[in-house]
N, C-alpha and C. Protein backbone atom coordinates (compact mmCIF):
# COMPACT_ATOMS: atom_id res chain seq x y z
N MET A 1 39.21 -139.08 -87.16
CA MET A 1 39.30 -138.63 -88.22
C MET A 1 39.47 -139.84 -89.41
N SER A 2 38.78 -139.18 -90.51
CA SER A 2 39.22 -140.24 -91.58
C SER A 2 40.35 -140.12 -92.25
N PRO A 3 40.23 -141.52 -92.89
CA PRO A 3 42.16 -141.87 -93.69
C PRO A 3 42.06 -140.38 -94.50
N SER A 4 41.57 -139.84 -95.27
CA SER A 4 42.04 -139.13 -96.16
C SER A 4 41.50 -137.69 -95.53
N ILE A 5 41.92 -137.22 -94.46
CA ILE A 5 41.45 -135.61 -93.86
C ILE A 5 43.07 -135.67 -93.07
N SER A 6 43.54 -134.68 -93.69
CA SER A 6 44.43 -134.08 -92.47
C SER A 6 43.87 -133.00 -90.79
N ALA A 7 45.30 -133.22 -89.83
CA ALA A 7 44.73 -132.86 -88.54
C ALA A 7 46.10 -133.00 -87.76
N ASP A 8 46.52 -131.65 -86.87
CA ASP A 8 47.02 -131.60 -86.32
C ASP A 8 47.76 -133.13 -84.96
N LEU A 9 49.16 -132.85 -84.93
CA LEU A 9 48.95 -134.10 -83.98
C LEU A 9 48.70 -133.96 -82.51
N GLY A 10 48.81 -132.47 -82.29
CA GLY A 10 47.81 -131.38 -81.26
C GLY A 10 46.36 -132.77 -80.83
N ALA A 11 45.88 -132.50 -81.41
CA ALA A 11 44.60 -133.12 -81.56
C ALA A 11 44.36 -134.59 -81.17
N ALA A 12 44.87 -135.09 -81.83
CA ALA A 12 44.44 -136.27 -81.89
C ALA A 12 44.83 -137.19 -80.70
N PRO A 13 43.68 -138.19 -80.30
CA PRO A 13 43.53 -138.86 -79.16
C PRO A 13 44.71 -140.14 -78.50
N ARG A 14 44.89 -140.40 -77.78
CA ARG A 14 45.97 -141.96 -77.48
C ARG A 14 45.29 -142.67 -78.25
N GLY A 15 46.77 -143.39 -78.97
CA GLY A 15 46.48 -144.35 -79.54
C GLY A 15 46.31 -143.76 -81.06
N PHE A 16 46.47 -142.71 -81.33
CA PHE A 16 46.65 -142.05 -82.71
C PHE A 16 47.93 -142.59 -83.78
N ARG A 17 47.93 -143.55 -84.62
CA ARG A 17 48.57 -143.49 -85.14
C ARG A 17 48.94 -142.51 -86.63
N GLY A 18 49.68 -142.70 -87.17
CA GLY A 18 49.47 -141.49 -88.97
C GLY A 18 51.04 -141.58 -89.33
N ARG A 19 50.94 -140.97 -89.71
CA ARG A 19 52.10 -140.20 -90.74
C ARG A 19 52.48 -138.84 -91.06
N ILE A 20 53.69 -138.27 -90.80
CA ILE A 20 53.51 -136.55 -91.11
C ILE A 20 53.32 -135.90 -91.88
N LEU A 21 52.85 -135.16 -92.35
CA LEU A 21 52.67 -134.04 -94.13
C LEU A 21 53.63 -133.30 -93.88
N GLY A 22 53.48 -132.48 -92.60
CA GLY A 22 54.26 -131.14 -92.63
C GLY A 22 54.63 -130.59 -91.43
N LEU A 23 54.87 -129.43 -91.12
CA LEU A 23 54.49 -128.73 -89.86
C LEU A 23 54.09 -127.32 -89.97
N ARG A 24 53.76 -126.56 -89.63
CA ARG A 24 52.84 -125.59 -89.45
C ARG A 24 53.09 -124.86 -88.05
N PRO A 25 53.76 -124.40 -87.68
CA PRO A 25 53.92 -123.44 -86.17
C PRO A 25 53.35 -122.33 -86.45
N PRO A 26 52.47 -122.37 -84.96
CA PRO A 26 51.81 -121.12 -84.92
C PRO A 26 52.29 -119.76 -84.59
N GLU A 27 51.47 -118.78 -85.08
CA GLU A 27 52.77 -116.95 -84.67
C GLU A 27 52.75 -117.07 -83.50
N SER A 28 51.45 -117.38 -82.65
CA SER A 28 51.83 -116.62 -81.17
C SER A 28 51.90 -118.36 -80.72
N GLY A 29 53.11 -117.83 -79.79
CA GLY A 29 53.98 -118.86 -79.33
C GLY A 29 54.69 -118.29 -78.18
N ARG A 30 54.89 -119.38 -77.36
CA ARG A 30 56.51 -119.57 -76.01
C ARG A 30 57.64 -118.92 -77.29
N LEU A 31 57.61 -120.10 -78.59
CA LEU A 31 58.58 -120.04 -78.91
C LEU A 31 57.96 -119.07 -80.40
N PRO A 32 59.27 -118.28 -81.32
CA PRO A 32 59.09 -117.75 -82.52
C PRO A 32 59.36 -119.18 -83.63
N PRO A 33 58.17 -118.89 -84.19
CA PRO A 33 57.70 -120.17 -85.40
C PRO A 33 59.07 -120.75 -85.96
N GLU A 34 60.01 -120.03 -86.17
CA GLU A 34 61.11 -120.60 -86.99
C GLU A 34 62.39 -121.84 -86.19
N GLU A 35 61.89 -120.96 -84.81
CA GLU A 35 63.00 -122.11 -83.68
C GLU A 35 61.71 -123.03 -83.38
N LEU A 36 60.51 -123.16 -83.08
CA LEU A 36 59.76 -124.41 -82.57
C LEU A 36 60.13 -125.56 -83.84
N GLU A 37 59.93 -125.50 -85.21
CA GLU A 37 60.16 -125.87 -86.54
C GLU A 37 60.94 -126.27 -86.66
N ARG A 38 62.99 -125.67 -86.30
CA ARG A 38 63.95 -126.22 -86.39
C ARG A 38 64.34 -127.20 -84.78
N ARG A 39 63.40 -126.73 -83.92
CA ARG A 39 63.33 -127.95 -82.56
C ARG A 39 62.53 -129.27 -83.21
N LEU A 40 61.66 -129.13 -83.47
CA LEU A 40 60.98 -130.83 -83.99
C LEU A 40 61.80 -131.18 -85.07
N ILE A 41 61.82 -130.57 -85.94
CA ILE A 41 62.96 -130.67 -87.26
C ILE A 41 64.36 -131.59 -86.50
N GLU A 42 64.82 -131.17 -85.97
CA GLU A 42 66.05 -131.84 -84.99
C GLU A 42 65.56 -133.08 -83.80
N LEU A 43 64.10 -133.18 -83.34
CA LEU A 43 64.28 -134.27 -82.45
C LEU A 43 63.22 -135.56 -84.09
N GLY A 44 63.60 -134.97 -85.16
CA GLY A 44 62.95 -136.58 -86.28
C GLY A 44 61.35 -136.19 -87.06
N PHE A 45 60.83 -134.76 -86.19
CA PHE A 45 59.69 -134.70 -87.01
C PHE A 45 59.34 -134.10 -88.03
N VAL A 46 59.53 -135.23 -88.93
CA VAL A 46 59.61 -134.65 -90.89
C VAL A 46 58.43 -135.81 -91.60
N GLU A 47 58.95 -134.76 -92.81
CA GLU A 47 57.73 -135.36 -93.25
C GLU A 47 57.79 -136.68 -94.26
N GLY A 48 56.43 -137.54 -93.81
CA GLY A 48 56.87 -139.46 -93.85
C GLY A 48 57.31 -139.71 -93.03
N ALA A 49 57.43 -139.40 -91.50
CA ALA A 49 57.55 -140.15 -90.34
C ALA A 49 56.57 -140.66 -89.86
N LEU A 50 56.41 -141.86 -88.90
CA LEU A 50 55.37 -142.89 -88.62
C LEU A 50 55.37 -142.03 -86.85
N VAL A 51 54.03 -141.62 -86.99
CA VAL A 51 54.53 -141.16 -85.22
C VAL A 51 52.89 -141.81 -84.72
N GLU A 52 53.41 -141.79 -82.87
CA GLU A 52 52.10 -143.15 -82.66
C GLU A 52 52.37 -142.50 -81.25
N ILE A 53 50.67 -142.09 -80.46
CA ILE A 53 50.34 -141.04 -79.37
C ILE A 53 50.01 -142.44 -78.55
N LEU A 54 51.52 -142.66 -77.45
CA LEU A 54 51.27 -143.78 -76.53
C LEU A 54 50.45 -143.53 -75.40
N HIS A 55 50.64 -142.40 -74.68
CA HIS A 55 50.16 -141.98 -73.39
C HIS A 55 49.92 -140.23 -73.39
N GLU A 56 49.05 -139.79 -72.58
CA GLU A 56 48.64 -138.61 -71.95
C GLU A 56 48.85 -138.47 -70.84
N GLY A 57 48.78 -136.70 -70.23
CA GLY A 57 49.08 -136.95 -68.97
C GLY A 57 47.58 -136.74 -68.72
N LEU A 58 47.61 -136.86 -67.17
CA LEU A 58 46.02 -137.40 -66.18
C LEU A 58 45.61 -135.74 -66.21
N PHE A 59 46.30 -134.50 -66.42
CA PHE A 59 45.48 -133.41 -66.60
C PHE A 59 45.12 -132.99 -67.38
N GLY A 60 44.34 -132.38 -68.23
CA GLY A 60 43.76 -132.14 -69.36
C GLY A 60 45.02 -132.64 -70.63
N GLY A 61 44.93 -134.07 -70.62
CA GLY A 61 45.92 -134.99 -71.58
C GLY A 61 47.57 -133.83 -71.79
N ASP A 62 47.71 -133.51 -70.95
CA ASP A 62 48.80 -132.86 -70.88
C ASP A 62 50.26 -132.93 -70.52
N PRO A 63 51.68 -133.19 -70.55
CA PRO A 63 52.05 -133.83 -72.16
C PRO A 63 51.97 -134.90 -73.19
N ILE A 64 52.05 -135.07 -73.97
CA ILE A 64 51.65 -136.22 -74.80
C ILE A 64 53.17 -137.26 -74.73
N ALA A 65 53.22 -138.54 -74.55
CA ALA A 65 54.34 -139.41 -74.99
C ALA A 65 54.14 -139.70 -76.55
N VAL A 66 54.90 -139.61 -77.31
CA VAL A 66 54.94 -139.72 -79.02
C VAL A 66 56.04 -140.48 -79.27
N ARG A 67 55.96 -141.95 -79.91
CA ARG A 67 56.62 -142.98 -80.54
C ARG A 67 56.76 -141.96 -81.90
N LEU A 68 58.53 -142.23 -82.12
CA LEU A 68 58.41 -141.17 -83.71
C LEU A 68 59.66 -142.24 -84.27
N GLN A 69 59.32 -143.38 -85.19
CA GLN A 69 60.36 -143.93 -85.34
C GLN A 69 60.32 -144.97 -84.64
N SER A 70 61.58 -144.97 -83.68
CA SER A 70 61.88 -146.03 -82.67
C SER A 70 62.09 -145.26 -81.46
N ALA A 71 61.75 -144.25 -81.36
CA ALA A 71 62.17 -143.46 -79.88
C ALA A 71 61.21 -143.07 -79.62
N THR A 72 60.66 -142.42 -78.09
CA THR A 72 59.74 -141.91 -77.08
C THR A 72 60.24 -140.57 -77.12
N ILE A 73 59.04 -139.32 -77.74
CA ILE A 73 59.44 -138.17 -77.03
C ILE A 73 58.06 -137.90 -76.15
N ALA A 74 58.86 -136.95 -75.33
CA ALA A 74 57.47 -136.33 -74.89
C ALA A 74 57.31 -134.62 -75.57
N LEU A 75 56.03 -133.93 -75.69
CA LEU A 75 55.31 -132.83 -76.36
C LEU A 75 54.23 -132.35 -75.77
N ARG A 76 54.44 -131.41 -75.25
CA ARG A 76 53.13 -130.41 -74.48
C ARG A 76 52.28 -130.61 -76.20
N ARG A 77 51.01 -130.09 -75.82
CA ARG A 77 50.16 -130.61 -77.06
C ARG A 77 50.08 -129.41 -77.64
N ARG A 78 50.47 -128.49 -77.62
CA ARG A 78 50.25 -127.01 -78.14
C ARG A 78 51.56 -127.00 -79.33
N GLU A 79 52.54 -127.50 -78.79
CA GLU A 79 53.95 -128.26 -79.53
C GLU A 79 53.67 -129.18 -80.62
N ALA A 80 52.71 -130.14 -80.29
CA ALA A 80 52.32 -131.10 -81.15
C ALA A 80 51.42 -130.57 -81.67
N ALA A 81 50.53 -129.35 -81.82
CA ALA A 81 49.35 -129.07 -82.40
C ALA A 81 50.05 -127.65 -84.20
N ALA A 82 51.66 -127.98 -84.26
CA ALA A 82 51.87 -127.41 -85.07
C ALA A 82 52.54 -128.88 -86.07
N ILE A 83 52.29 -129.86 -85.40
CA ILE A 83 52.81 -131.00 -86.62
C ILE A 83 51.44 -131.54 -87.22
N LEU A 84 51.37 -131.29 -88.97
CA LEU A 84 50.19 -131.84 -88.93
C LEU A 84 50.12 -133.48 -89.72
N VAL A 85 49.04 -133.93 -89.44
CA VAL A 85 49.44 -135.57 -89.83
C VAL A 85 48.46 -136.12 -90.57
N GLU A 86 48.23 -137.36 -91.18
CA GLU A 86 47.33 -137.91 -91.62
C GLU A 86 47.13 -139.47 -90.87
N PRO A 87 45.96 -140.47 -90.03
CA PRO A 87 46.48 -141.20 -89.74
C PRO A 87 46.40 -142.60 -90.85
N LEU A 88 46.83 -143.19 -90.61
CA LEU A 88 47.47 -144.95 -91.02
C LEU A 88 46.21 -145.07 -91.34
N SER A 89 45.75 -146.01 -92.17
CA SER A 89 44.72 -146.45 -93.02
C SER A 89 44.59 -148.26 -92.32
């Protein structure tokens, strides 16, 4: 990912460090988009927050462990795909 391009956190590799640009929950998923967005915001996934992917599961890279500010949170990649990020330069 180049510094000027945004992508979703679910597609980022282990070691990625970036800043959250916003949320874009999918219309089709296990949770209604509004519910997923509410849960992510409650966890602290808000615009401007710094994130880093610390670890990924052995099978298919799922789930991922994400450092968000000073907390570590586990997310499924399909949930992380709702988080738009830009890499830190």
